[in-house]
Amino acid sequence: MTKKFKVAVLGLGMGEAWAKAAYDLPNTELALVYDPAFGVYDRVQTQYYLERNIPLAKSEEEVYASDVDIIIVATPDHLHAEQSVRALKAGKHVACEKPLAPTVEECKKIARAVKESGKYFMTGQVCRYAPGFQTAKMLLDAGRIGELVTVESEYAHDYSVCPGWENWRCSKEIGRQGFLGGGCHALDLLRWLAGDPEEVFAYMNHKFLPDWPNNDSGFAVAKFPNNVIGKIFVSIGVKRPYTMRTVLHGTKGTIVCDNGRGFIELCEADVVAVTDNMKFSQIPVAVRSHNVQDELRDFVAHIAENKKFVTDEFQGMYTVAFAEAAIKSAETGKPEKVQYPTIAGI
């Protein structure tokens, strides 16, 4: 008989999708949830949990002391490191929302706790589970556009309408960096598609959300392995619909993809040569921009098979390292090498 894993969720804003996935999947049980905003913050759908008789923890400590197998950390970014470490020390497997933590140094604390606990860990870099991006990766790996030459991605999302519980995203005390907090989606996506960047140069400004603590928009140019060059645009204040439009240029074609459209576009040199017609073909894809259900299903399968998860603590940390280098470059006005901690260095 297949083991059914008991799941607890910390944070029911971002954690709502995780909770629903744990409730719906056949090999998981939503055993416990906790959020101090339960009943007092309209983003937390209290009726969903009450109607299904989902146990509600009275405190965070109750979650760590419970008999659950997996704890989902879906709280604000600045809480991730402390809560992930506590969950690991309590003997739980952990899935943590992106970004893994606000700094590489905090990510190292998680990595050390994973190593000491012997438990499995996942960073929730959900773009790797969006059907449009997965299809683009499959076409790229199959050689359909030849050798990769340039890549570009963007994270455009107006955060002025979603400051978060108790306005944590715009808190000067917390000092969240938008280029990491939201931009980690685009940064991680390009790492997945093109490899770990070696160097990055960035410009950033602060015009959309002047009352927020840090720069709200920026462009970064990065050098990836095999002399692939890339461009990343991140804005948490731009006045346009949410998008993560991503373009991959290869020696034999181009892919244009997004996580919010029902198709991706493909132009192949071989097809153009035959048809003598330079046009994109459209490949239909499902729209699941936050495909947490497949993410959790995959994590549970890896735990059941005693296999380390792909987007583990180091993958999460390397994306934070990429963002840190870009933020530093914007401050220094110089290109910055991306520093990737090793297992020995944590």
Protein backbone atom coordinates (compact mmCIF):
# COMPACT_ATOMS: atom_id res chain seq x y z
CA MET A 1 0.00 0.00 0.00
CA THR A 2 1.33 3.46 -0.96
CA LYS A 3 2.20 5.62 2.05
CA LYS A 4 0.00 8.65 2.57
CA PHE A 5 2.08 11.63 3.67
CA LYS A 6 0.68 14.00 6.27
CA VAL A 7 1.19 17.63 5.26
CA ALA A 8 1.09 20.84 7.32
CA VAL A 9 1.04 24.31 5.80
CA LEU A 10 2.50 27.43 7.42
CA GLY A 11 1.01 30.55 5.82
CA LEU A 12 -2.31 30.41 3.99
CA GLY A 13 -1.87 33.30 1.57
CA MET A 14 0.74 31.83 -0.76
CA GLY A 15 0.05 28.56 1.03
CA GLU A 16 -3.54 28.28 -0.17
CA ALA A 17 -2.52 26.50 -3.39
CA TRP A 18 -0.27 24.16 -1.41
CA ALA A 19 -3.05 23.36 1.05
CA LYS A 20 -5.50 22.60 -1.75
CA ALA A 21 -2.93 20.42 -3.50
CA ALA A 22 -2.26 18.47 -0.29
CA TYR A 23 -6.01 18.02 0.18
CA ASP A 24 -6.62 16.85 -3.41
CA LEU A 25 -3.65 14.60 -4.13
CA PRO A 26 -4.25 10.87 -3.49
CA ASN A 27 -1.04 10.24 -1.54
CA THR A 28 -1.15 13.29 0.76
CA GLU A 29 -3.37 14.35 3.63
CA LEU A 30 -3.82 17.98 4.63
CA ALA A 31 -3.34 17.31 8.33
CA LEU A 32 -2.73 20.76 9.83
CA VAL A 33 -2.64 24.44 8.87
CA TYR A 34 -1.50 27.58 10.66
CA ASP A 35 -1.63 31.29 9.90
CA PRO A 36 -1.83 34.07 12.50
CA ALA A 37 -4.00 35.96 9.99
CA PHE A 38 -6.66 33.24 9.97
CA GLY A 39 -10.07 34.92 10.29
CA VAL A 40 -8.69 38.46 10.16
CA TYR A 41 -7.20 38.71 6.64
CA ASP A 42 -9.51 38.41 3.68
CA ARG A 43 -6.94 36.61 1.50
CA VAL A 44 -7.11 33.59 3.82
CA GLN A 45 -10.15 31.58 2.73
CA THR A 46 -11.26 30.47 6.17
CA GLN A 47 -14.40 28.73 4.92
CA TYR A 48 -12.39 26.32 2.79
CA TYR A 49 -10.68 24.87 5.87
CA LEU A 50 -13.68 25.05 8.19
CA GLU A 51 -16.02 23.31 5.74
CA ARG A 52 -13.55 20.44 5.35
CA ASN A 53 -12.77 20.17 9.06
CA ILE A 54 -9.06 20.76 8.46
CA PRO A 55 -7.30 20.93 11.85
CA LEU A 56 -6.12 24.46 12.71
CA ALA A 57 -3.00 24.80 14.83
CA LYS A 58 -3.20 27.30 17.66
CA SER A 59 0.48 28.19 17.32
CA GLU A 60 3.46 27.73 15.04
CA GLU A 61 5.09 25.51 17.68
CA GLU A 62 2.15 23.10 17.44
CA VAL A 63 3.02 22.52 13.78
CA TYR A 64 6.62 21.58 14.53
CA ALA A 65 5.53 19.29 17.39
CA SER A 66 2.91 17.48 15.28
CA ASP A 67 3.26 14.07 13.63
CA VAL A 68 3.16 15.42 10.06
CA ASP A 69 5.70 14.20 7.51
CA ILE A 70 6.01 17.39 5.46
CA ILE A 71 5.83 21.06 6.39
CA ILE A 72 5.15 23.60 3.67
CA VAL A 73 6.70 26.99 4.49
CA ALA A 74 4.60 29.50 2.52
CA THR A 75 5.06 32.54 4.74
CA PRO A 76 6.66 35.93 3.89
CA ASP A 77 10.23 35.67 2.58
CA HIS A 78 11.98 36.95 5.71
CA LEU A 79 10.52 34.09 7.78
CA HIS A 80 11.63 31.26 5.48
CA ALA A 81 15.05 30.56 6.95
CA GLU A 82 14.02 30.40 10.60
CA GLN A 83 10.89 28.36 9.93
CA SER A 84 12.58 25.94 7.52
CA VAL A 85 15.38 25.31 10.00
CA ARG A 86 12.91 24.69 12.83
CA ALA A 87 10.90 22.30 10.69
CA LEU A 88 13.99 20.36 9.65
CA LYS A 89 15.22 20.15 13.25
CA ALA A 90 11.79 18.79 14.16
CA GLY A 91 12.42 15.91 11.76
CA LYS A 92 10.13 17.02 8.93
CA HIS A 93 10.66 17.12 5.19
CA VAL A 94 10.28 20.72 4.02
CA ALA A 95 8.99 22.48 0.92
CA CYS A 96 9.69 26.22 1.06
CA GLU A 97 8.20 28.89 -1.17
CA LYS A 98 10.44 31.05 -3.31
CA PRO A 99 12.66 32.95 -2.84
CA LEU A 100 14.39 30.56 -0.49
CA ALA A 101 15.52 33.45 1.76
CA PRO A 102 16.40 37.16 1.43
CA THR A 103 20.18 36.50 1.47
CA VAL A 104 22.64 33.76 0.62
CA GLU A 105 23.81 33.72 4.24
CA GLU A 106 20.31 32.81 5.39
CA CYS A 107 20.09 30.17 2.65
CA LYS A 108 23.26 28.61 4.08
CA LYS A 109 21.52 28.14 7.43
CA ILE A 110 18.84 26.11 5.66
CA ALA A 111 21.42 24.08 3.75
CA ARG A 112 23.26 23.23 6.97
CA ALA A 113 19.99 22.18 8.62
CA VAL A 114 19.11 19.96 5.64
CA LYS A 115 22.50 18.28 5.85
CA GLU A 116 22.24 17.73 9.60
CA SER A 117 18.64 16.49 9.50
CA GLY A 118 18.95 14.03 6.64
CA LYS A 119 15.49 15.14 5.47
CA TYR A 120 14.39 16.10 1.99
CA PHE A 121 13.98 19.72 0.94
CA MET A 122 12.36 21.54 -1.96
CA THR A 123 12.50 25.18 -3.03
CA GLY A 124 9.19 26.06 -4.68
CA GLN A 125 10.46 27.46 -7.99
CA VAL A 126 7.10 26.91 -9.64
CA CYS A 127 7.97 28.29 -13.09
CA ARG A 128 9.70 25.00 -13.80
CA TYR A 129 6.23 23.42 -13.63
CA ALA A 130 4.38 25.85 -15.92
CA PRO A 131 3.40 23.90 -19.09
CA GLY A 132 4.56 26.68 -21.43
CA PHE A 133 8.04 26.76 -19.92
CA GLN A 134 8.24 22.97 -19.72
CA THR A 135 7.39 22.70 -23.41
CA ALA A 136 10.03 25.30 -24.26
CA LYS A 137 12.62 23.36 -22.25
CA MET A 138 11.69 20.12 -24.03
CA LEU A 139 12.05 21.77 -27.47
CA LEU A 140 15.36 23.35 -26.45
CA ASP A 141 16.77 20.06 -25.15
CA ALA A 142 15.62 18.28 -28.31
CA GLY A 143 17.69 20.66 -30.41
CA ARG A 144 14.74 22.17 -32.25
CA ILE A 145 16.28 25.67 -32.21
CA GLY A 146 19.89 24.53 -32.42
CA GLU A 147 22.57 25.85 -30.10
CA LEU A 148 21.34 28.41 -27.59
CA VAL A 149 22.67 31.91 -28.30
CA THR A 150 20.67 34.43 -26.24
CA VAL A 151 17.91 34.27 -23.64
CA GLU A 152 15.61 36.86 -22.12
CA SER A 153 12.88 36.80 -19.51
CA GLU A 154 10.84 39.26 -17.51
CA TYR A 155 8.84 39.45 -14.33
CA ALA A 156 6.34 42.28 -14.67
CA HIS A 157 3.86 42.50 -11.80
CA ASP A 158 2.28 45.54 -10.16
CA TYR A 159 2.69 44.98 -6.42
CA SER A 160 0.98 48.22 -5.43
CA VAL A 161 -2.26 46.23 -5.14
CA CYS A 162 -0.73 43.38 -3.11
CA PRO A 163 1.46 44.70 -0.27
CA GLY A 164 0.77 41.54 1.77
CA TRP A 165 -0.39 40.82 5.29
CA GLU A 166 0.42 43.82 7.49
CA ASN A 167 2.10 45.38 4.43
CA TRP A 168 5.18 43.21 4.80
CA ARG A 169 6.25 43.61 1.17
CA CYS A 170 6.59 47.39 1.53
CA SER A 171 7.87 47.44 5.12
CA LYS A 172 11.02 49.52 5.54
CA GLU A 173 12.02 47.35 8.50
CA ILE A 174 11.89 44.17 6.38
CA GLY A 175 13.41 45.87 3.32
CA ARG A 176 12.34 43.32 0.75
CA GLN A 177 14.25 43.49 -2.54
CA GLY A 178 11.77 43.28 -5.41
CA PHE A 179 14.45 42.11 -7.85
CA LEU A 180 14.76 38.98 -5.71
CA GLY A 181 11.29 38.65 -4.18
CA GLY A 182 9.44 38.64 -7.49
CA GLY A 183 12.32 38.51 -9.93
CA CYS A 184 13.54 35.16 -8.62
CA HIS A 185 10.95 33.61 -10.97
CA ALA A 186 12.69 34.96 -14.08
CA LEU A 187 16.17 34.45 -12.65
CA ASP A 188 15.53 30.82 -11.77
CA LEU A 189 13.83 30.16 -15.10
CA LEU A 190 16.87 31.33 -17.05
CA ARG A 191 19.18 29.32 -14.80
CA TRP A 192 17.07 26.25 -15.60
CA LEU A 193 17.13 26.93 -19.34
CA ALA A 194 20.66 28.26 -19.84
CA GLY A 195 22.70 27.16 -16.81
CA ASP A 196 24.25 29.06 -13.91
CA PRO A 197 25.34 32.56 -14.96
CA GLU A 198 28.95 33.53 -14.38
CA GLU A 199 28.64 37.32 -14.28
CA VAL A 200 25.90 39.96 -14.23
CA PHE A 201 25.63 43.70 -14.78
CA ALA A 202 22.50 45.62 -13.76
CA TYR A 203 20.82 49.00 -13.65
CA MET A 204 17.86 49.60 -11.32
CA ASN A 205 15.62 52.53 -10.41
CA HIS A 206 12.88 53.49 -7.97
CA LYS A 207 10.09 55.42 -9.70
CA PHE A 208 6.94 53.30 -9.64
CA LEU A 209 6.74 52.72 -5.88
CA PRO A 210 8.71 55.57 -4.28
CA ASP A 211 7.29 54.87 -0.81
CA TRP A 212 8.57 51.28 -0.88
CA PRO A 213 12.00 50.65 0.63
CA ASN A 214 14.07 49.52 -2.38
CA ASN A 215 14.37 49.75 -6.15
CA ASP A 216 11.24 48.55 -7.90
CA SER A 217 12.51 48.03 -11.45
CA GLY A 218 15.67 46.93 -13.15
CA PHE A 219 17.41 45.41 -16.14
CA ALA A 220 20.23 42.90 -15.82
CA VAL A 221 22.49 41.42 -18.46
CA ALA A 222 24.17 38.13 -17.64
CA LYS A 223 26.81 35.85 -19.11
CA PHE A 224 25.76 32.21 -19.03
CA PRO A 225 27.82 29.07 -19.79
CA ASN A 226 28.92 28.44 -23.41
CA ASN A 227 28.99 32.20 -24.07
CA VAL A 228 25.20 32.48 -23.95
CA ILE A 229 24.11 36.01 -23.06
CA GLY A 230 20.86 36.90 -21.34
CA LYS A 231 18.67 39.84 -20.37
CA ILE A 232 16.30 40.01 -17.41
CA PHE A 233 13.70 42.70 -16.76
CA VAL A 234 12.07 42.84 -13.34
CA SER A 235 9.48 45.35 -12.16
CA ILE A 236 7.14 45.15 -9.19
CA GLY A 237 5.47 48.45 -10.03
CA VAL A 238 5.05 48.47 -13.80
CA LYS A 239 1.54 49.39 -15.01
CA ARG A 240 0.70 46.45 -17.23
CA PRO A 241 -0.82 42.98 -16.90
CA TYR A 242 1.29 40.36 -15.13
CA THR A 243 3.62 38.61 -17.57
CA MET A 244 6.73 36.46 -17.69
CA ARG A 245 7.32 36.58 -21.43
CA THR A 246 10.49 34.62 -22.19
CA VAL A 247 12.41 34.36 -25.48
CA LEU A 248 15.05 31.79 -26.44
CA HIS A 249 17.14 32.44 -29.56
CA GLY A 250 19.10 29.54 -31.02
CA THR A 251 21.22 29.08 -34.12
CA LYS A 252 18.31 27.31 -35.84
CA GLY A 253 15.23 29.02 -34.44
CA THR A 254 13.40 30.97 -31.73
CA ILE A 255 10.95 30.10 -28.96
CA VAL A 256 8.64 32.67 -27.35
CA CYS A 257 6.84 31.43 -24.23
CA ASP A 258 4.95 32.65 -21.19
CA ASN A 259 3.23 31.10 -18.18
CA GLY A 260 -0.05 32.90 -18.81
CA ARG A 261 -0.79 32.16 -22.48
CA GLY A 262 -2.44 29.09 -23.95
CA PHE A 263 0.27 28.63 -26.56
CA ILE A 264 3.99 29.09 -27.16
CA GLU A 265 5.53 30.27 -30.43
CA LEU A 266 8.20 28.42 -32.40
CA CYS A 267 10.07 29.51 -35.51
CA GLU A 268 12.44 26.91 -37.01
CA ALA A 269 15.04 27.59 -39.71
CA ASP A 270 14.42 24.20 -41.37
CA VAL A 271 10.70 24.93 -41.73
CA VAL A 272 11.40 28.44 -43.03
CA ALA A 273 13.81 27.03 -45.62
CA VAL A 274 11.13 24.70 -46.99
CA THR A 275 8.16 27.08 -46.83
CA ASP A 276 10.05 30.29 -47.62
CA ASN A 277 7.79 31.92 -45.05
CA MET A 278 9.18 33.46 -41.85
CA LYS A 279 6.36 32.93 -39.36
CA PHE A 280 5.87 31.57 -35.88
CA SER A 281 3.88 28.40 -35.44
CA GLN A 282 1.77 28.13 -32.29
CA ILE A 283 1.91 25.11 -29.98
CA PRO A 284 -1.07 24.86 -27.60
CA VAL A 285 -0.23 24.47 -23.89
CA ALA A 286 -2.28 24.40 -20.70
CA VAL A 287 -2.27 27.57 -18.60
CA ARG A 288 -1.14 26.72 -15.07
CA SER A 289 1.12 29.57 -14.01
CA HIS A 290 1.27 28.35 -10.39
CA ASN A 291 1.21 24.61 -10.89
CA VAL A 292 1.78 23.78 -7.24
CA GLN A 293 -0.13 20.50 -7.46
CA ASP A 294 2.42 18.94 -9.84
CA GLU A 295 5.21 20.44 -7.75
CA LEU A 296 3.97 18.78 -4.54
CA ARG A 297 3.20 15.52 -6.36
CA ASP A 298 6.76 15.43 -7.66
CA PHE A 299 8.26 16.20 -4.23
CA VAL A 300 6.26 13.46 -2.53
CA ALA A 301 7.28 10.97 -5.24
CA HIS A 302 10.94 11.78 -4.64
CA ILE A 303 10.55 11.32 -0.89
CA ALA A 304 8.81 7.97 -1.41
CA GLU A 305 11.66 6.83 -3.66
CA ASN A 306 14.38 8.21 -1.33
CA LYS A 307 15.63 10.54 -4.05
CA LYS A 308 17.01 14.06 -3.61
CA PHE A 309 14.70 16.65 -5.13
CA VAL A 310 15.76 18.61 -8.22
CA THR A 311 15.00 22.13 -6.94
CA ASP A 312 16.66 21.51 -3.60
CA GLU A 313 18.16 23.96 -1.12
CA PHE A 314 21.17 24.63 -3.37
CA GLN A 315 19.03 25.41 -6.39
CA GLY A 316 17.10 27.88 -4.27
CA MET A 317 20.33 29.36 -2.90
CA TYR A 318 21.91 29.74 -6.37
CA THR A 319 18.94 31.77 -7.59
CA VAL A 320 19.32 34.04 -4.54
CA ALA A 321 23.05 34.33 -5.36
CA PHE A 322 22.17 35.43 -8.91
CA ALA A 323 19.83 38.12 -7.55
CA GLU A 324 22.38 39.26 -4.95
CA ALA A 325 25.02 39.75 -7.65
CA ALA A 326 22.59 41.79 -9.79
CA ILE A 327 21.57 43.98 -6.84
CA LYS A 328 25.22 44.52 -5.93
CA SER A 329 26.04 45.45 -9.54
CA ALA A 330 23.31 48.10 -9.54
CA GLU A 331 24.89 49.54 -6.39
CA THR A 332 28.53 49.45 -7.56
CA GLY A 333 27.97 50.23 -11.24
CA LYS A 334 30.27 47.33 -12.14
CA PRO A 335 29.80 43.77 -13.41
CA GLU A 336 29.71 41.26 -10.56
CA LYS A 337 30.66 37.60 -10.48
CA VAL A 338 27.95 35.31 -9.14
CA GLN A 339 29.23 33.52 -6.03
CA TYR A 340 27.86 29.98 -5.65
CA PRO A 341 28.41 28.36 -2.22
CA THR A 342 29.48 24.73 -2.26
CA ILE A 343 28.48 21.94 0.10
CA ALA A 344 31.89 22.27 1.73
CA GLY A 345 31.39 26.03 2.09
CA ILE A 346 28.20 26.00 4.11
